[in-house]
Amino acid sequence: MILLFFCTVDREVSVIKLLAKTTRRPFQPAQVAAICYRRRRVSIEFLLVNTSAGKWTFPKGRLDPRLSASEAAAREALEEAGAIGRIESSHFDSYLDTKRTFGDGYPSCEIQIAAYLLEVGSLAAPEEADRNPTWFSPEEAKKRLSEGRLPKYSNHLARIIDRASGMVAGQKPGHQIAYQGQRRSAMVR
C-alpha cells in the first residue's frame, strides 16, 4: 500500500511517498477440523460429532507441534469419530466458532479453525465414546450445525459444507459457491 501526502513549501508542491510496512504472518489457526465425507451413489454425506455441550460439530481440536496441521485434523477425526481415510494436505477454508473457557459461567472466545477435507474409507470405534458420530446430508448437516449457534457462526459452517460439497462434486473453484464477502480489504484513496 502506498500513501501519498502532498505538501506545499514556498509555492512548490512536493510529493512524499510513505510506504506502509505490512508484515503478513502465515495463517495460524487456533484449531484444525476434519471435514469428513463419504460419497453415496449420487449424494454426499458429512460426518458430524457432538460437543460436550450437545451441539453438532466437525471433529476438531488443537494443533500438535509434532504433527502437520492436516495430520492433527486426521487424528481428531479418528479420536472423535473413528474416521479413517484420506485427508488433503492443505486446508481448503477456515471458519470461526466459539470455545468455552473454564466451563459454564465464563465467557466464550472466538477461534479460527482451518478445515481439511477427509474422505472416509472406514470407521473404527472412536476413542471418545460420547461423541455420537452421525452421517448427514449436506442440508441436514447445515441444519444441525446451526442449532444452538448465532447466525454469524452458522453461516461460516454452512459455507464450509457448501464449499466441501462443491469440491467433492468436482467443481472448479470458479464454479463453487462464492463467499468472498467474508474477507474484504480496505483501500485508501
Protein backbone atom coordinates (compact mmCIF):
# COMPACT_ATOMS: atom_id res chain seq x y z
CA MET A 1 0.00 0.00 0.00
CA ILE A 2 1.37 3.43 -0.87
CA LEU A 3 0.12 6.54 0.85
CA LEU A 4 0.68 9.85 -0.90
CA PHE A 5 0.97 13.10 1.00
CA PHE A 6 1.03 16.46 -0.75
CA CYS A 7 2.90 19.32 0.92
CA THR A 8 3.34 22.90 -0.22
CA VAL A 9 6.65 24.52 0.55
CA ASP A 10 7.33 28.01 -0.83
CA ARG A 11 4.83 27.66 -3.66
CA GLU A 12 6.22 24.30 -4.70
CA VAL A 13 4.29 21.14 -4.36
CA SER A 14 6.29 18.16 -3.31
CA VAL A 15 5.05 14.64 -3.01
CA ILE A 16 6.20 12.50 -0.17
CA LYS A 17 5.68 8.76 -0.54
CA LEU A 18 5.34 6.72 2.55
CA LEU A 19 5.37 3.01 2.22
CA ALA A 20 3.29 1.35 4.84
CA LYS A 21 5.09 -1.67 6.17
CA THR A 22 2.85 -4.65 6.36
CA THR A 23 4.06 -7.86 7.77
CA ARG A 24 1.92 -10.76 6.78
CA ARG A 25 2.01 -13.56 9.23
CA PRO A 26 1.40 -17.04 7.94
CA PHE A 27 -2.11 -18.32 8.60
CA GLN A 28 -2.09 -19.92 12.04
CA PRO A 29 -5.46 -21.27 13.16
CA ALA A 30 -6.29 -21.97 16.80
CA GLN A 31 -7.65 -25.39 15.83
CA VAL A 32 -7.99 -27.75 12.88
CA ALA A 33 -11.08 -29.64 11.73
CA ALA A 34 -11.54 -32.71 9.58
CA ILE A 35 -14.49 -32.24 7.24
CA CYS A 36 -15.28 -35.94 6.97
CA TYR A 37 -17.37 -37.02 4.00
CA ARG A 38 -18.37 -40.06 2.02
CA ARG A 39 -19.95 -40.49 -1.36
CA ARG A 40 -23.26 -42.34 -1.59
CA ARG A 41 -24.25 -43.12 -5.17
CA VAL A 42 -25.32 -39.64 -6.31
CA SER A 43 -25.07 -37.89 -2.96
CA ILE A 44 -22.53 -36.81 -0.37
CA GLU A 45 -22.79 -37.22 3.38
CA PHE A 46 -20.90 -35.46 6.16
CA LEU A 47 -19.87 -37.00 9.47
CA LEU A 48 -20.59 -34.80 12.49
CA VAL A 49 -19.96 -35.37 16.19
CA ASN A 50 -21.47 -33.97 19.39
CA THR A 51 -19.62 -31.50 21.57
CA SER A 52 -19.65 -31.79 25.36
CA ALA A 53 -22.37 -29.10 25.28
CA GLY A 54 -24.52 -31.24 22.95
CA LYS A 55 -24.04 -29.21 19.75
CA TRP A 56 -23.11 -30.85 16.45
CA THR A 57 -19.71 -30.05 15.00
CA PHE A 58 -16.92 -31.37 12.80
CA PRO A 59 -14.22 -33.43 14.52
CA LYS A 60 -11.73 -30.76 15.55
CA GLY A 61 -9.01 -29.96 18.01
CA ARG A 62 -5.74 -28.26 18.74
CA LEU A 63 -2.63 -28.31 16.65
CA ASP A 64 0.13 -30.66 17.74
CA PRO A 65 3.71 -29.41 17.23
CA ARG A 66 4.79 -32.97 16.36
CA LEU A 67 2.25 -33.24 13.52
CA SER A 68 1.42 -31.26 10.42
CA ALA A 69 -1.91 -29.43 10.59
CA SER A 70 -3.57 -31.99 8.29
CA GLU A 71 -2.20 -34.87 10.39
CA ALA A 72 -3.62 -33.20 13.52
CA ALA A 73 -7.02 -32.92 11.81
CA ALA A 74 -6.88 -36.59 10.79
CA ARG A 75 -6.00 -37.54 14.37
CA GLU A 76 -9.06 -35.63 15.63
CA ALA A 77 -11.27 -37.46 13.12
CA LEU A 78 -10.00 -40.79 14.43
CA GLU A 79 -10.27 -39.87 18.12
CA GLU A 80 -13.69 -38.20 17.98
CA ALA A 81 -15.47 -40.02 15.13
CA GLY A 82 -13.45 -43.17 14.49
CA ALA A 83 -12.99 -41.96 10.91
CA ILE A 84 -10.11 -43.35 8.88
CA GLY A 85 -9.42 -42.09 5.40
CA ARG A 86 -7.52 -39.82 3.04
CA ILE A 87 -7.05 -36.21 4.13
CA GLU A 88 -5.98 -33.31 1.93
CA SER A 89 -2.57 -31.89 2.81
CA SER A 90 -3.72 -28.27 2.91
CA HIS A 91 -6.82 -26.62 4.29
CA PHE A 92 -9.48 -25.55 1.79
CA ASP A 93 -11.09 -22.92 4.00
CA SER A 94 -11.34 -21.69 7.57
CA TYR A 95 -14.22 -20.72 9.79
CA LEU A 96 -14.97 -19.01 13.07
CA ASP A 97 -16.58 -20.66 16.05
CA THR A 98 -16.70 -20.12 19.78
CA LYS A 99 -14.97 -22.05 22.51
CA ARG A 100 -16.00 -22.01 26.14
CA THR A 101 -13.28 -21.06 28.57
CA PHE A 102 -13.03 -22.65 32.01
CA GLY A 103 -16.55 -24.15 31.88
CA ASP A 104 -20.04 -22.80 32.45
CA GLY A 105 -20.48 -19.20 33.55
CA TYR A 106 -17.30 -17.99 31.88
CA PRO A 107 -17.20 -16.04 28.63
CA SER A 108 -16.64 -17.78 25.32
CA CYS A 109 -13.85 -16.79 22.98
CA GLU A 110 -13.89 -16.72 19.20
CA ILE A 111 -11.43 -19.04 17.45
CA GLN A 112 -10.39 -19.60 13.85
CA ILE A 113 -10.40 -23.19 12.62
CA ALA A 114 -8.71 -24.50 9.47
CA ALA A 115 -10.87 -27.00 7.54
CA TYR A 116 -9.34 -30.09 5.87
CA LEU A 117 -11.27 -32.47 3.63
CA LEU A 118 -11.09 -36.10 4.75
CA GLU A 119 -12.65 -38.81 2.58
CA VAL A 120 -13.67 -41.56 4.99
CA GLY A 121 -12.70 -45.04 3.87
CA SER A 122 -13.67 -46.89 7.05
CA LEU A 123 -14.87 -46.35 10.59
CA ALA A 124 -13.50 -47.72 13.85
CA ALA A 125 -14.73 -47.26 17.38
CA PRO A 126 -13.99 -43.64 18.37
CA GLU A 127 -11.68 -43.12 21.34
CA GLU A 128 -14.13 -40.56 22.73
CA ALA A 129 -17.26 -42.63 23.25
CA ASP A 130 -19.64 -39.72 23.99
CA ARG A 131 -19.28 -38.06 20.55
CA ASN A 132 -22.09 -39.95 18.73
CA PRO A 133 -20.65 -39.75 15.17
CA THR A 134 -23.54 -39.50 12.69
CA TRP A 135 -23.80 -39.10 8.90
CA PHE A 136 -25.91 -36.27 7.47
CA SER A 137 -26.81 -34.99 4.01
CA PRO A 138 -25.37 -31.52 3.27
CA GLU A 139 -28.69 -29.79 4.02
CA GLU A 140 -29.26 -31.74 7.23
CA ALA A 141 -25.64 -31.12 8.29
CA LYS A 142 -26.12 -27.36 7.84
CA LYS A 143 -29.32 -27.54 9.87
CA ARG A 144 -27.66 -29.49 12.70
CA LEU A 145 -24.58 -27.26 12.71
CA SER A 146 -26.80 -24.17 13.09
CA GLU A 147 -28.54 -25.49 16.23
CA GLY A 148 -27.51 -23.52 19.30
CA ARG A 149 -25.23 -21.14 17.36
CA LEU A 150 -25.51 -17.49 16.48
CA PRO A 151 -26.15 -16.81 12.76
CA LYS A 152 -22.61 -15.49 12.30
CA TYR A 153 -21.15 -18.90 13.18
CA SER A 154 -23.91 -20.89 11.47
CA ASN A 155 -23.19 -19.04 8.24
CA HIS A 156 -19.48 -19.89 8.48
CA LEU A 157 -20.31 -23.58 8.95
CA ALA A 158 -22.84 -23.55 6.09
CA ARG A 159 -20.15 -22.07 3.86
CA ILE A 160 -17.81 -24.92 4.80
CA ILE A 161 -20.45 -27.51 3.87
CA ASP A 162 -21.19 -25.76 0.57
CA ARG A 163 -17.53 -25.42 -0.39
CA ALA A 164 -16.75 -29.01 0.62
CA SER A 165 -19.75 -30.28 -1.36
CA GLY A 166 -18.59 -28.35 -4.42
CA MET A 167 -15.04 -29.64 -4.12
CA VAL A 168 -16.14 -33.24 -3.66
CA ALA A 169 -18.50 -32.96 -6.63
CA GLY A 170 -15.52 -31.86 -8.73
CA GLN A 171 -16.48 -28.28 -9.35
CA LYS A 172 -13.70 -25.90 -10.23
CA PRO A 173 -13.09 -23.02 -7.81
CA GLY A 174 -14.81 -20.56 -10.16
CA HIS A 175 -17.95 -22.70 -10.11
CA GLN A 176 -18.16 -23.12 -6.36
CA ILE A 177 -20.49 -21.12 -4.24
CA ALA A 178 -18.53 -17.98 -3.51
CA TYR A 179 -18.43 -16.38 -0.10
CA GLN A 180 -15.82 -13.78 -0.93
CA GLY A 181 -17.58 -11.16 1.18
CA GLN A 182 -16.11 -12.64 4.36
CA ARG A 183 -12.70 -11.13 3.65
CA ARG A 184 -12.79 -7.55 2.48
CA SER A 185 -9.80 -5.34 2.16
CA ALA A 186 -9.97 -1.60 2.61
CA MET A 187 -8.32 0.70 0.12
CA VAL A 188 -7.03 4.16 0.87
CA ARG A 189 -7.59 6.65 -1.91
